[in-house]
Amino acid sequence: MGMANVLQSIKDAEEAADAKISASKEEAARIIADARKEAAEIIQNAQDGAVSSTVKTLDSARSKAGKEAEGVQAEGAKVVEGIQSSAGDRQAAAVQLVIDSLMSN
């Protein structure tokens, strides 16, 4: 093999190596971009899941609080009804007491 052939072989090998390096850099950039995209999707899904979980928890708490409030309201209504009933029963006696008091004077 002549000197020209040896130099040409070296030049061809260098060009092939440069092409391989360039292709490797492109592949590495693509892998990094894909990994970043996947990481962003994972983060977004986690955030969406957290928001969804928070909304469900809040809805559940609101529902439970609403049921408790209904129970307290019903209990309070019964107490008010009892007071009104008791007042109604005593009203006639109070009127009679006032009339008797005025008549005795």
C-alpha atoms as a PDB file:
ATOM      1  CA  MET A   1       0.000   0.000   0.000  1.00  0.00           C
ATOM      2  CA  GLY A   2       1.300   3.389  -0.951  1.00  0.00           C
ATOM      3  CA  MET A   3       1.601   6.419   1.236  1.00  0.00           C
ATOM      4  CA  ALA A   4      -1.391   8.059  -0.487  1.00  0.00           C
ATOM      5  CA  ASN A   5      -3.540   5.025   0.241  1.00  0.00           C
ATOM      6  CA  VAL A   6      -2.495   4.989   3.908  1.00  0.00           C
ATOM      7  CA  LEU A   7      -3.260   8.719   4.265  1.00  0.00           C
ATOM      8  CA  GLN A   8      -6.625   8.268   2.525  1.00  0.00           C
ATOM      9  CA  SER A   9      -7.476   5.344   4.852  1.00  0.00           C
ATOM     10  CA  ILE A  10      -6.597   7.500   7.880  1.00  0.00           C
ATOM     11  CA  LYS A  11      -8.702  10.367   6.511  1.00  0.00           C
ATOM     12  CA  ASP A  12     -11.650   8.013   5.857  1.00  0.00           C
ATOM     13  CA  ALA A  13     -11.341   6.565   9.360  1.00  0.00           C
ATOM     14  CA  GLU A  14     -11.306  10.071  10.878  1.00  0.00           C
ATOM     15  CA  GLU A  15     -14.401  11.060   8.876  1.00  0.00           C
ATOM     16  CA  ALA A  16     -16.180   7.873   9.953  1.00  0.00           C
ATOM     17  CA  ALA A  17     -15.234   8.575  13.576  1.00  0.00           C
ATOM     18  CA  ASP A  18     -16.473  12.183  13.284  1.00  0.00           C
ATOM     19  CA  ALA A  19     -19.771  10.952  11.801  1.00  0.00           C
ATOM     20  CA  LYS A  20     -20.098   8.381  14.601  1.00  0.00           C
ATOM     21  CA  ILE A  21     -19.425  11.077  17.241  1.00  0.00           C
ATOM     22  CA  SER A  22     -21.972  13.397  15.638  1.00  0.00           C
ATOM     23  CA  ALA A  23     -24.602  10.655  15.473  1.00  0.00           C
ATOM     24  CA  SER A  24     -23.885   9.735  19.100  1.00  0.00           C
ATOM     25  CA  LYS A  25     -24.302  13.361  20.202  1.00  0.00           C
ATOM     26  CA  GLU A  26     -27.624  13.581  18.341  1.00  0.00           C
ATOM     27  CA  GLU A  27     -28.797  10.314  19.934  1.00  0.00           C
ATOM     28  CA  ALA A  28     -27.750  11.562  23.393  1.00  0.00           C
ATOM     29  CA  ALA A  29     -29.623  14.854  22.848  1.00  0.00           C
ATOM     30  CA  ARG A  30     -32.730  12.929  21.759  1.00  0.00           C
ATOM     31  CA  ILE A  31     -32.531  10.623  24.793  1.00  0.00           C
ATOM     32  CA  ILE A  32     -32.182  13.620  27.122  1.00  0.00           C
ATOM     33  CA  ALA A  33     -35.112  15.421  25.467  1.00  0.00           C
ATOM     34  CA  ASP A  34     -37.283  12.302  25.759  1.00  0.00           C
ATOM     35  CA  ALA A  35     -36.303  11.869  29.411  1.00  0.00           C
ATOM     36  CA  ARG A  36     -37.150  15.507  30.163  1.00  0.00           C
ATOM     37  CA  LYS A  37     -40.506  15.137  28.421  1.00  0.00           C
ATOM     38  CA  GLU A  38     -41.285  11.954  30.348  1.00  0.00           C
ATOM     39  CA  ALA A  39     -40.231  13.584  33.636  1.00  0.00           C
ATOM     40  CA  ALA A  40     -42.502  16.571  32.925  1.00  0.00           C
ATOM     41  CA  GLU A  41     -45.406  14.205  32.201  1.00  0.00           C
ATOM     42  CA  ILE A  42     -44.752  12.272  35.421  1.00  0.00           C
ATOM     43  CA  ILE A  43     -44.676  15.506  37.419  1.00  0.00           C
ATOM     44  CA  GLN A  44     -47.863  16.758  35.733  1.00  0.00           C
ATOM     45  CA  ASN A  45     -49.647  13.463  36.402  1.00  0.00           C
ATOM     46  CA  ALA A  46     -48.540  13.562  40.037  1.00  0.00           C
ATOM     47  CA  GLN A  47     -49.798  17.137  40.385  1.00  0.00           C
ATOM     48  CA  ASP A  48     -53.099  16.234  38.714  1.00  0.00           C
ATOM     49  CA  GLY A  49     -53.446  13.265  41.038  1.00  0.00           C
ATOM     50  CA  ALA A  50     -52.724  15.424  44.068  1.00  0.00           C
ATOM     51  CA  VAL A  51     -55.300  18.008  42.974  1.00  0.00           C
ATOM     52  CA  SER A  52     -57.856  15.281  42.308  1.00  0.00           C
ATOM     53  CA  SER A  53     -57.188  13.704  45.692  1.00  0.00           C
ATOM     54  CA  THR A  54     -57.489  17.083  47.418  1.00  0.00           C
ATOM     55  CA  VAL A  55     -60.783  17.801  45.667  1.00  0.00           C
ATOM     56  CA  LYS A  56     -62.145  14.392  46.689  1.00  0.00           C
ATOM     57  CA  THR A  57     -61.039  14.932  50.283  1.00  0.00           C
ATOM     58  CA  LEU A  58     -62.629  18.384  50.391  1.00  0.00           C
ATOM     59  CA  ASP A  59     -65.856  17.096  48.842  1.00  0.00           C
ATOM     60  CA  SER A  60     -65.982  14.291  51.381  1.00  0.00           C
ATOM     61  CA  ALA A  61     -65.351  16.707  54.253  1.00  0.00           C
ATOM     62  CA  ARG A  62     -68.036  19.085  52.971  1.00  0.00           C
ATOM     63  CA  SER A  63     -70.511  16.243  52.671  1.00  0.00           C
ATOM     64  CA  LYS A  64     -69.743  15.009  56.181  1.00  0.00           C
ATOM     65  CA  ALA A  65     -69.978  18.539  57.597  1.00  0.00           C
ATOM     66  CA  GLY A  66     -73.291  19.053  55.783  1.00  0.00           C
ATOM     67  CA  LYS A  67     -74.718  15.862  57.288  1.00  0.00           C
ATOM     68  CA  GLU A  68     -73.523  16.870  60.743  1.00  0.00           C
ATOM     69  CA  ALA A  69     -75.047  20.327  60.281  1.00  0.00           C
ATOM     70  CA  GLU A  70     -78.357  18.754  59.253  1.00  0.00           C
ATOM     71  CA  GLY A  71     -78.310  16.623  62.413  1.00  0.00           C
ATOM     72  CA  VAL A  72     -77.585  19.621  64.618  1.00  0.00           C
ATOM     73  CA  GLN A  73     -80.292  21.631  62.855  1.00  0.00           C
ATOM     74  CA  ALA A  74     -82.841  18.833  63.341  1.00  0.00           C
ATOM     75  CA  GLU A  75     -81.921  18.541  66.993  1.00  0.00           C
ATOM     76  CA  GLY A  76     -82.207  22.314  67.431  1.00  0.00           C
ATOM     77  CA  ALA A  77     -85.594  22.317  65.687  1.00  0.00           C
ATOM     78  CA  LYS A  78     -86.842  19.678  68.142  1.00  0.00           C
ATOM     79  CA  VAL A  79     -85.675  21.788  71.097  1.00  0.00           C
ATOM     80  CA  VAL A  80     -87.372  24.897  69.674  1.00  0.00           C
ATOM     81  CA  GLU A  81     -90.544  22.904  69.059  1.00  0.00           C
ATOM     82  CA  GLY A  82     -90.477  21.682  72.669  1.00  0.00           C
ATOM     83  CA  ILE A  83     -90.028  25.219  73.972  1.00  0.00           C
ATOM     84  CA  GLN A  84     -92.874  26.490  71.800  1.00  0.00           C
ATOM     85  CA  SER A  85     -95.132  23.650  72.938  1.00  0.00           C
ATOM     86  CA  SER A  86     -94.273  24.271  76.560  1.00  0.00           C
ATOM     87  CA  ALA A  87     -94.875  28.009  76.130  1.00  0.00           C
ATOM     88  CA  GLY A  88     -98.237  27.328  74.491  1.00  0.00           C
ATOM     89  CA  ASP A  89     -99.265  25.076  77.362  1.00  0.00           C
ATOM     90  CA  ARG A  90     -98.280  27.673  79.928  1.00  0.00           C
ATOM     91  CA  GLN A  91     -99.791  30.623  78.060  1.00  0.00           C
ATOM     92  CA  ALA A  92    -103.342  29.880  79.190  1.00  0.00           C
ATOM     93  CA  ALA A  93    -102.209  29.558  82.805  1.00  0.00           C
ATOM     94  CA  ALA A  94    -100.271  32.843  82.552  1.00  0.00           C
ATOM     95  CA  VAL A  95    -103.291  34.668  81.126  1.00  0.00           C
ATOM     96  CA  GLN A  96    -105.476  33.293  83.894  1.00  0.00           C
ATOM     97  CA  LEU A  97    -102.894  34.349  86.493  1.00  0.00           C
ATOM     98  CA  VAL A  98    -102.859  37.914  85.102  1.00  0.00           C
ATOM     99  CA  ILE A  99    -106.681  38.032  85.026  1.00  0.00           C
ATOM    100  CA  ASP A 100    -106.896  36.709  88.589  1.00  0.00           C
ATOM    101  CA  SER A 101    -104.277  39.206  89.693  1.00  0.00           C
ATOM    102  CA  LEU A 102    -106.209  42.111  88.127  1.00  0.00           C
ATOM    103  CA  MET A 103    -109.528  40.918  89.531  1.00  0.00           C
ATOM    104  CA  SER A 104    -108.257  40.625  93.050  1.00  0.00           C
ATOM    105  CA  ASN A 105    -107.117  44.249  93.080  1.00  0.00           C
END
